[in-house]
Amino acid sequence: MTMSIPSARSVAFDLLAAVLRQKKSLDQALSENSNLGGLEVRDRGFARSITATTLRRLGQIDALIDIALDRPIPQK
C-alpha cells in the first residue's frame, strides 16, 4: 500500500473546513493539521496563502456568488 502525499490545495481545503465548519482559528487549524508538515516548504506556504487569502476575501466571494445566483442559498 502506498501513501499519497497530499497536495497544497487539498491541505488548504482541509484548513478552510477547520476554520469555517469547526470554528477553529487559522493558527489552530495550521498547528493541528497533520498533512501540512508532509508538504515541502514551498507547498506549505502555498497552502497557507490559499487559505488566508480565501478567508480574507470571503465576503467578496460570497457577494459575487449571491449576484450570480437566481435565488439565495438557504441558510443552515
Protein backbone atom coordinates (compact mmCIF):
# COMPACT_ATOMS: atom_id res chain seq x y z
CA MET A 1 0.00 0.00 0.00
CA THR A 2 1.39 3.39 -0.96
CA MET A 3 0.50 6.55 0.88
CA SER A 4 -0.20 9.53 -1.30
CA ILE A 5 1.28 12.88 -0.45
CA PRO A 6 -1.46 15.49 -0.06
CA SER A 7 -1.43 18.46 -2.39
CA ALA A 8 -1.20 22.02 -1.14
CA ARG A 9 -4.71 22.60 -2.45
CA SER A 10 -6.19 19.66 -0.54
CA VAL A 11 -4.46 20.81 2.65
CA ALA A 12 -5.84 24.33 2.07
CA PHE A 13 -9.32 22.83 1.70
CA ASP A 14 -8.90 20.98 5.00
CA LEU A 15 -7.68 24.16 6.69
CA LEU A 16 -10.68 26.11 5.38
CA ALA A 17 -13.02 23.39 6.61
CA ALA A 18 -11.43 23.54 10.06
CA VAL A 19 -11.85 27.31 10.23
CA LEU A 20 -15.31 27.63 8.69
CA ARG A 21 -17.03 24.44 9.85
CA GLN A 22 -15.25 23.65 13.10
CA LYS A 23 -14.83 27.33 14.09
CA LYS A 24 -11.10 27.00 14.74
CA SER A 25 -8.73 29.90 14.37
CA LEU A 26 -6.41 29.74 11.39
CA ASP A 27 -3.42 29.39 13.72
CA GLN A 28 -5.09 26.47 15.50
CA ALA A 29 -6.03 24.80 12.20
CA LEU A 30 -2.46 25.19 10.95
CA SER A 31 -0.95 23.72 14.10
CA GLU A 32 -3.38 20.77 14.19
CA ASN A 33 -3.23 19.79 10.51
CA SER A 34 -1.16 16.62 10.26
CA ASN A 35 -0.74 16.84 6.47
CA LEU A 36 0.82 20.29 6.49
CA GLY A 37 4.15 19.01 7.78
CA GLY A 38 4.34 16.48 4.96
CA LEU A 39 4.44 19.21 2.34
CA GLU A 40 7.59 20.82 1.04
CA VAL A 41 8.27 24.30 2.40
CA ARG A 42 7.10 25.95 -0.81
CA ASP A 43 3.83 23.97 -0.79
CA ARG A 44 3.22 24.71 2.89
CA GLY A 45 3.47 28.41 2.10
CA PHE A 46 1.14 27.99 -0.86
CA ALA A 47 -1.47 26.15 1.26
CA ARG A 48 -1.30 28.85 3.92
CA SER A 49 -1.55 31.59 1.29
CA ILE A 50 -4.59 30.00 -0.38
CA THR A 51 -6.30 29.63 2.98
CA ALA A 52 -5.51 33.11 4.29
CA THR A 53 -6.47 34.80 1.01
CA THR A 54 -9.75 32.89 0.81
CA LEU A 55 -10.64 33.85 4.38
CA ARG A 56 -9.65 37.47 3.79
CA ARG A 57 -11.74 37.66 0.60
CA LEU A 58 -14.66 35.52 1.82
CA GLY A 59 -17.08 38.45 1.94
CA GLN A 60 -16.27 39.37 -1.64
CA ILE A 61 -16.54 35.75 -2.77
CA ASP A 62 -19.95 35.43 -1.09
CA ALA A 63 -21.14 38.69 -2.67
CA LEU A 64 -20.14 37.53 -6.16
CA ILE A 65 -21.87 34.20 -5.65
CA ASP A 66 -25.02 36.00 -4.48
CA ILE A 67 -25.00 38.13 -7.64
CA ALA A 68 -24.65 35.05 -9.85
CA LEU A 69 -27.46 33.06 -8.21
CA ASP A 70 -31.09 33.36 -9.23
CA ARG A 71 -32.15 32.65 -5.68
CA PRO A 72 -30.18 32.74 -2.42
CA ILE A 73 -28.63 29.66 -0.88
CA PRO A 74 -30.73 28.52 2.10
CA GLN A 75 -29.10 29.15 5.47
CA LYS A 76 -28.46 26.10 7.65
